[in-house]
PDB file of N, CA and C in Angstrom:
ATOM      1  N   UNK A   1      76.854 178.641  31.322  1.00  0.00           N
ATOM      2  CA  UNK A   1      75.286 179.289  30.982  1.00  0.00           C
ATOM      3  C   UNK A   1      74.443 179.004  30.399  1.00  0.00           C
ATOM      4  N   UNK A   2      73.628 178.605  29.816  1.00  0.00           N
ATOM      5  CA  UNK A   2      72.492 178.654  29.279  1.00  0.00           C
ATOM      6  C   UNK A   2      71.905 179.502  28.162  1.00  0.00           C
ATOM      7  N   UNK A   3      71.541 179.402  26.967  1.00  0.00           N
ATOM      8  CA  UNK A   3      71.123 180.499  26.090  1.00  0.00           C
ATOM      9  C   UNK A   3      70.577 180.204  25.401  1.00  0.00           C
ATOM     10  N   UNK A   4      68.891 178.638  25.866  1.00  0.00           N
ATOM     11  CA  UNK A   4      67.764 178.562  26.229  1.00  0.00           C
ATOM     12  C   UNK A   4      66.440 179.909  25.643  1.00  0.00           C
ATOM     13  N   UNK A   5      66.890 180.174  27.240  1.00  0.00           N
ATOM     14  CA  UNK A   5      65.792 181.181  26.537  1.00  0.00           C
ATOM     15  C   UNK A   5      65.870 182.867  26.514  1.00  0.00           C
ATOM     16  N   UNK A   6      64.457 183.177  25.524  1.00  0.00           N
ATOM     17  CA  UNK A   6      64.760 184.661  25.220  1.00  0.00           C
ATOM     18  C   UNK A   6      64.694 185.141  25.951  1.00  0.00           C
ATOM     19  N   UNK A   7      65.852 185.902  26.590  1.00  0.00           N
ATOM     20  CA  UNK A   7      66.293 187.806  26.903  1.00  0.00           C
ATOM     21  C   UNK A   7      66.773 188.133  26.605  1.00  0.00           C
ATOM     22  N   UNK A   8      66.804 190.315  26.486  1.00  0.00           N
ATOM     23  CA  UNK A   8      67.143 190.624  26.121  1.00  0.00           C
ATOM     24  C   UNK A   8      69.215 190.345  26.490  1.00  0.00           C
ATOM     25  N   UNK A   9      69.247 189.952  27.827  1.00  0.00           N
ATOM     26  CA  UNK A   9      70.868 189.516  27.600  1.00  0.00           C
ATOM     27  C   UNK A   9      71.322 188.380  27.024  1.00  0.00           C
ATOM     28  N   UNK A  10      70.411 187.606  26.337  1.00  0.00           N
ATOM     29  CA  UNK A  10      71.071 186.096  25.716  1.00  0.00           C
ATOM     30  C   UNK A  10      71.442 186.527  23.918  1.00  0.00           C
ATOM     31  N   UNK A  11      69.817 187.565  23.864  1.00  0.00           N
ATOM     32  CA  UNK A  11      70.499 188.002  22.722  1.00  0.00           C
ATOM     33  C   UNK A  11      71.498 188.500  22.465  1.00  0.00           C
ATOM     34  N   UNK A  12      72.264 189.408  23.177  1.00  0.00           N
ATOM     35  CA  UNK A  12      72.833 190.933  23.298  1.00  0.00           C
ATOM     36  C   UNK A  12      74.077 189.493  22.879  1.00  0.00           C
ATOM     37  N   UNK A  13      74.146 188.035  24.522  1.00  0.00           N
ATOM     38  CA  UNK A  13      75.643 187.633  24.064  1.00  0.00           C
ATOM     39  C   UNK A  13      75.927 187.010  22.507  1.00  0.00           C
ATOM     40  N   UNK A  14      74.419 186.519  22.315  1.00  0.00           N
ATOM     41  CA  UNK A  14      74.907 185.649  20.289  1.00  0.00           C
ATOM     42  C   UNK A  14      74.532 186.890  19.297  1.00  0.00           C
ATOM     43  N   UNK A  15      73.968 187.521  19.775  1.00  0.00           N
ATOM     44  CA  UNK A  15      74.408 188.900  18.371  1.00  0.00           C
ATOM     45  C   UNK A  15      75.967 188.903  18.432  1.00  0.00           C
ATOM     46  N   UNK A  16      76.670 189.007  19.547  1.00  0.00           N
ATOM     47  CA  UNK A  16      77.666 190.444  19.716  1.00  0.00           C
ATOM     48  C   UNK A  16      78.925 188.646  19.212  1.00  0.00           C
ATOM     49  N   UNK A  17      78.357 187.186  19.924  1.00  0.00           N
ATOM     50  CA  UNK A  17      79.321 186.362  19.453  1.00  0.00           C
ATOM     51  C   UNK A  17      79.365 186.374  17.605  1.00  0.00           C
ATOM     52  N   UNK A  18      77.641 186.187  17.315  1.00  0.00           N
ATOM     53  CA  UNK A  18      77.914 186.365  15.915  1.00  0.00           C
ATOM     54  C   UNK A  18      78.933 187.688  15.238  1.00  0.00           C
ATOM     55  N   UNK A  19      78.600 188.704  15.634  1.00  0.00           N
ATOM     56  CA  UNK A  19      79.770 190.167  15.041  1.00  0.00           C
ATOM     57  C   UNK A  19      81.056 189.131  14.790  1.00  0.00           C
ATOM     58  N   UNK A  20      82.117 188.685  15.891  1.00  0.00           N
ATOM     59  CA  UNK A  20      83.570 188.302  16.208  1.00  0.00           C
ATOM     60  C   UNK A  20      83.292 186.867  15.245  1.00  0.00           C
ATOM     61  N   UNK A  21      82.543 186.309  15.228  1.00  0.00           N
ATOM     62  CA  UNK A  21      83.074 185.173  15.173  1.00  0.00           C
ATOM     63  C   UNK A  21      82.442 185.308  13.138  1.00  0.00           C
ATOM     64  N   UNK A  22      81.812 185.689  12.294  1.00  0.00           N
ATOM     65  CA  UNK A  22      82.370 186.653  11.267  1.00  0.00           C
ATOM     66  C   UNK A  22      82.590 187.462  11.356  1.00  0.00           C
ATOM     67  N   UNK A  23      83.201 188.491  11.865  1.00  0.00           N
ATOM     68  CA  UNK A  23      84.345 189.469  11.579  1.00  0.00           C
ATOM     69  C   UNK A  23      83.934 190.252  11.246  1.00  0.00           C
ATOM     70  N   UNK A  24      82.499 190.731  11.486  1.00  0.00           N
ATOM     71  CA  UNK A  24      81.604 192.431  11.358  1.00  0.00           C
ATOM     72  C   UNK A  24      82.922 193.399  11.414  1.00  0.00           C
ATOM     73  N   UNK A  25      82.887 194.304  10.800  1.00  0.00           N
ATOM     74  CA  UNK A  25      83.659 195.363  10.687  1.00  0.00           C
ATOM     75  C   UNK A  25      83.173 196.273  11.243  1.00  0.00           C
ATOM     76  N   UNK A  26      81.736 196.945  10.872  1.00  0.00           N
ATOM     77  CA  UNK A  26      80.684 197.857  10.966  1.00  0.00           C
ATOM     78  C   UNK A  26      80.334 197.394  11.947  1.00  0.00           C
ATOM     79  N   UNK A  27      80.023 196.731  13.490  1.00  0.00           N
ATOM     80  CA  UNK A  27      79.535 196.709  14.044  1.00  0.00           C
ATOM     81  C   UNK A  27      77.836 197.284  14.505  1.00  0.00           C
ATOM     82  N   UNK A  28      78.308 199.076  13.658  1.00  0.00           N
ATOM     83  CA  UNK A  28      76.196 199.258  14.063  1.00  0.00           C
ATOM     84  C   UNK A  28      75.273 198.197  12.961  1.00  0.00           C
ATOM     85  N   UNK A  29      76.116 197.149  12.587  1.00  0.00           N
ATOM     86  CA  UNK A  29      75.334 196.255  11.280  1.00  0.00           C
ATOM     87  C   UNK A  29      74.807 194.974  12.551  1.00  0.00           C
ATOM     88  N   UNK A  30      75.613 195.259  13.391  1.00  0.00           N
ATOM     89  CA  UNK A  30      75.196 194.347  14.711  1.00  0.00           C
ATOM     90  C   UNK A  30      74.911 194.043  16.547  1.00  0.00           C
ATOM     91  N   UNK A  31      73.519 195.298  15.925  1.00  0.00           N
ATOM     92  CA  UNK A  31      73.771 196.199  17.353  1.00  0.00           C
ATOM     93  C   UNK A  31      72.447 195.443  18.180  1.00  0.00           C
ATOM     94  N   UNK A  32      72.993 194.657  19.452  1.00  0.00           N
ATOM     95  CA  UNK A  32      71.915 193.520  19.706  1.00  0.00           C
ATOM     96  C   UNK A  32      70.174 194.599  19.651  1.00  0.00           C
ATOM     97  N   UNK A  33      69.948 195.627  19.849  1.00  0.00           N
ATOM     98  CA  UNK A  33      68.909 196.226  20.912  1.00  0.00           C
ATOM     99  C   UNK A  33      68.210 196.651  19.061  1.00  0.00           C
ATOM    100  N   UNK A  34      69.022 196.299  17.850  1.00  0.00           N
ATOM    101  CA  UNK A  34      68.394 196.337  16.907  1.00  0.00           C
ATOM    102  C   UNK A  34      67.879 195.065  15.736  1.00  0.00           C
ATOM    103  N   UNK A  35      67.922 194.318  17.649  1.00  0.00           N
ATOM    104  CA  UNK A  35      67.603 193.082  16.161  1.00  0.00           C
ATOM    105  C   UNK A  35      65.764 192.286  17.612  1.00  0.00           C
ATOM    106  N   UNK A  36      65.042 191.934  16.984  1.00  0.00           N
ATOM    107  CA  UNK A  36      63.801 192.018  17.251  1.00  0.00           C
ATOM    108  C   UNK A  36      64.000 190.365  18.101  1.00  0.00           C
ATOM    109  N   UNK A  37      63.664 190.386  19.334  1.00  0.00           N
ATOM    110  CA  UNK A  37      63.066 189.279  20.466  1.00  0.00           C
ATOM    111  C   UNK A  37      62.381 188.086  20.231  1.00  0.00           C
ATOM    112  N   UNK A  38      61.213 189.098  19.829  1.00  0.00           N
ATOM    113  CA  UNK A  38      59.821 187.784  19.341  1.00  0.00           C
ATOM    114  C   UNK A  38      60.988 187.049  18.105  1.00  0.00           C
ATOM    115  N   UNK A  39      62.344 187.361  17.353  1.00  0.00           N
ATOM    116  CA  UNK A  39      62.608 185.906  16.633  1.00  0.00           C
ATOM    117  C   UNK A  39      63.926 185.313  16.486  1.00  0.00           C
ATOM    118  N   UNK A  40      63.828 185.560  18.011  1.00  0.00           N
ATOM    119  CA  UNK A  40      64.696 184.698  19.006  1.00  0.00           C
ATOM    120  C   UNK A  40      65.383 183.131  18.205  1.00  0.00           C
ATOM    121  N   UNK A  41      64.296 182.658  18.332  1.00  0.00           N
ATOM    122  CA  UNK A  41      65.056 181.255  17.957  1.00  0.00           C
ATOM    123  C   UNK A  41      65.419 181.172  16.579  1.00  0.00           C
ATOM    124  N   UNK A  42      64.733 181.691  15.678  1.00  0.00           N
ATOM    125  CA  UNK A  42      66.011 181.706  14.384  1.00  0.00           C
ATOM    126  C   UNK A  42      67.096 182.332  14.278  1.00  0.00           C
ATOM    127  N   UNK A  43      67.347 183.737  15.068  1.00  0.00           N
ATOM    128  CA  UNK A  43      68.926 183.605  15.452  1.00  0.00           C
ATOM    129  C   UNK A  43      69.587 183.276  16.225  1.00  0.00           C
ATOM    130  N   UNK A  44      68.802 182.319  17.127  1.00  0.00           N
ATOM    131  CA  UNK A  44      69.710 181.201  17.991  1.00  0.00           C
ATOM    132  C   UNK A  44      70.019 180.078  17.429  1.00  0.00           C
ATOM    133  N   UNK A  45      69.077 179.723  15.704  1.00  0.00           N
ATOM    134  CA  UNK A  45      69.657 179.268  15.121  1.00  0.00           C
ATOM    135  C   UNK A  45      70.801 178.948  14.032  1.00  0.00           C
ATOM    136  N   UNK A  46      70.979 180.188  13.945  1.00  0.00           N
ATOM    137  CA  UNK A  46      71.596 181.065  12.988  1.00  0.00           C
ATOM    138  C   UNK A  46      72.475 181.028  13.814  1.00  0.00           C
ATOM    139  N   UNK A  47      73.309 181.008  15.116  1.00  0.00           N
ATOM    140  CA  UNK A  47      73.943 181.396  16.170  1.00  0.00           C
ATOM    141  C   UNK A  47      74.545 179.870  16.023  1.00  0.00           C
ATOM    142  N   UNK A  48      74.006 178.361  16.223  1.00  0.00           N
ATOM    143  CA  UNK A  48      74.420 177.613  16.336  1.00  0.00           C
ATOM    144  C   UNK A  48      75.438 177.296  15.378  1.00  0.00           C
ATOM    145  N   UNK A  49      74.264 177.227  13.930  1.00  0.00           N
ATOM    146  CA  UNK A  49      75.226 176.610  13.159  1.00  0.00           C
ATOM    147  C   UNK A  49      76.448 177.645  12.720  1.00  0.00           C
ATOM    148  N   UNK A  50      76.865 179.157  13.167  1.00  0.00           N
ATOM    149  CA  UNK A  50      78.170 179.409  12.683  1.00  0.00           C
ATOM    150  C   UNK A  50      79.252 178.839  13.749  1.00  0.00           C
ATOM    151  N   UNK A  51      78.356 178.824  14.731  1.00  0.00           N
ATOM    152  CA  UNK A  51      79.368 177.754  15.865  1.00  0.00           C
ATOM    153  C   UNK A  51      79.662 176.997  15.408  1.00  0.00           C
ATOM    154  N   UNK A  52      78.794 175.980  15.143  1.00  0.00           N
ATOM    155  CA  UNK A  52      79.093 174.481  14.753  1.00  0.00           C
ATOM    156  C   UNK A  52      80.438 174.544  12.980  1.00  0.00           C
ATOM    157  N   UNK A  53      79.920 175.507  12.549  1.00  0.00           N
ATOM    158  CA  UNK A  53      80.677 174.719  10.816  1.00  0.00           C
ATOM    159  C   UNK A  53      82.760 176.060  11.669  1.00  0.00           C
ATOM    160  N   UNK A  54      82.266 176.655  12.978  1.00  0.00           N
ATOM    161  CA  UNK A  54      83.620 177.287  12.845  1.00  0.00           C
ATOM    162  C   UNK A  54      84.590 178.967  11.340  1.00  0.00           C
ATOM    163  N   UNK A  55      84.915 177.763  11.061  1.00  0.00           N
ATOM    164  CA  UNK A  55      85.623 178.690   9.989  1.00  0.00           C
ATOM    165  C   UNK A  55      84.556 178.521   8.591  1.00  0.00           C
ATOM    166  N   UNK A  56      84.335 180.610   8.186  1.00  0.00           N
ATOM    167  CA  UNK A  56      83.801 180.552   6.905  1.00  0.00           C
ATOM    168  C   UNK A  56      84.407 180.754   5.532  1.00  0.00           C
ATOM    169  N   UNK A  57      83.546 180.695   4.401  1.00  0.00           N
ATOM    170  CA  UNK A  57      83.673 181.328   3.709  1.00  0.00           C
ATOM    171  C   UNK A  57      83.427 182.927   3.175  1.00  0.00           C
ATOM    172  N   UNK A  58      83.551 183.387   2.916  1.00  0.00           N
ATOM    173  CA  UNK A  58      83.848 185.138   2.517  1.00  0.00           C
ATOM    174  C   UNK A  58      82.112 185.094   2.738  1.00  0.00           C
ATOM    175  N   UNK A  59      81.503 184.425   1.290  1.00  0.00           N
ATOM    176  CA  UNK A  59      80.239 184.298   0.959  1.00  0.00           C
ATOM    177  C   UNK A  59      79.638 183.751   1.775  1.00  0.00           C
ATOM    178  N   UNK A  60      79.887 182.431   2.579  1.00  0.00           N
ATOM    179  CA  UNK A  60      79.054 182.462   3.985  1.00  0.00           C
ATOM    180  C   UNK A  60      79.216 183.227   4.819  1.00  0.00           C
ATOM    181  N   UNK A  61      79.499 183.685   5.445  1.00  0.00           N
ATOM    182  CA  UNK A  61      79.241 185.692   5.617  1.00  0.00           C
ATOM    183  C   UNK A  61      78.551 186.124   5.645  1.00  0.00           C
ATOM    184  N   UNK A  62      78.210 186.433   3.980  1.00  0.00           N
ATOM    185  CA  UNK A  62      77.093 187.200   3.441  1.00  0.00           C
ATOM    186  C   UNK A  62      76.363 187.149   3.789  1.00  0.00           C
ATOM    187  N   UNK A  63      76.083 185.425   3.449  1.00  0.00           N
ATOM    188  CA  UNK A  63      75.210 184.924   3.354  1.00  0.00           C
ATOM    189  C   UNK A  63      73.909 185.455   5.333  1.00  0.00           C
ATOM    190  N   UNK A  64      75.010 184.949   5.913  1.00  0.00           N
ATOM    191  CA  UNK A  64      74.797 185.191   7.521  1.00  0.00           C
ATOM    192  C   UNK A  64      74.351 186.401   7.413  1.00  0.00           C
ATOM    193  N   UNK A  65      74.744 187.438   7.089  1.00  0.00           N
ATOM    194  CA  UNK A  65      74.563 188.650   7.166  1.00  0.00           C
ATOM    195  C   UNK A  65      74.001 189.261   6.770  1.00  0.00           C
ATOM    196  N   UNK A  66      73.818 188.665   5.554  1.00  0.00           N
ATOM    197  CA  UNK A  66      71.898 188.650   4.758  1.00  0.00           C
ATOM    198  C   UNK A  66      70.806 188.351   5.983  1.00  0.00           C
ATOM    199  N   UNK A  67      71.057 187.028   6.339  1.00  0.00           N
ATOM    200  CA  UNK A  67      70.102 186.391   6.407  1.00  0.00           C
ATOM    201  C   UNK A  67      69.681 187.951   8.668  1.00  0.00           C
ATOM    202  N   UNK A  68      70.706 187.802   9.143  1.00  0.00           N
ATOM    203  CA  UNK A  68      71.166 188.200   9.942  1.00  0.00           C
ATOM    204  C   UNK A  68      69.344 189.475   9.631  1.00  0.00           C
ATOM    205  N   UNK A  69      70.157 190.132   8.925  1.00  0.00           N
ATOM    206  CA  UNK A  69      68.921 191.679   8.406  1.00  0.00           C
ATOM    207  C   UNK A  69      67.637 191.028   8.051  1.00  0.00           C
ATOM    208  N   UNK A  70      67.376 190.028   8.342  1.00  0.00           N
ATOM    209  CA  UNK A  70      66.363 189.959   8.167  1.00  0.00           C
ATOM    210  C   UNK A  70      65.272 189.806   9.368  1.00  0.00           C
ATOM    211  N   UNK A  71      66.256 190.416  10.818  1.00  0.00           N
ATOM    212  CA  UNK A  71      65.228 189.414  11.974  1.00  0.00           C
ATOM    213  C   UNK A  71      65.723 191.319  12.490  1.00  0.00           C
ATOM    214  N   UNK A  72      65.805 192.111  11.921  1.00  0.00           N
ATOM    215  CA  UNK A  72      66.037 193.428  12.361  1.00  0.00           C
ATOM    216  C   UNK A  72      64.730 193.998  12.617  1.00  0.00           C
ATOM    217  N   UNK A  73      65.040 194.771  13.759  1.00  0.00           N
ATOM    218  CA  UNK A  73      63.151 195.457  13.603  1.00  0.00           C
ATOM    219  C   UNK A  73      63.030 196.013  12.707  1.00  0.00           C
TER     220      UNK A  73
END
């Protein structure tokens, strides 16, 4: 499956995967419908970094969640 295309389905997959990897407890913060599809490339870049790093520290998780917050509608 390719996540290169900026579609709502791909955005849903990316946001849900990041919620799992970042161990977000409050899933309402990671509702894919709250994110701007126009910022798909930026969100995809964050996803790629999280995917590459694997294990993240608490401070890294907080930083990623904070960065994602900038791309909410």
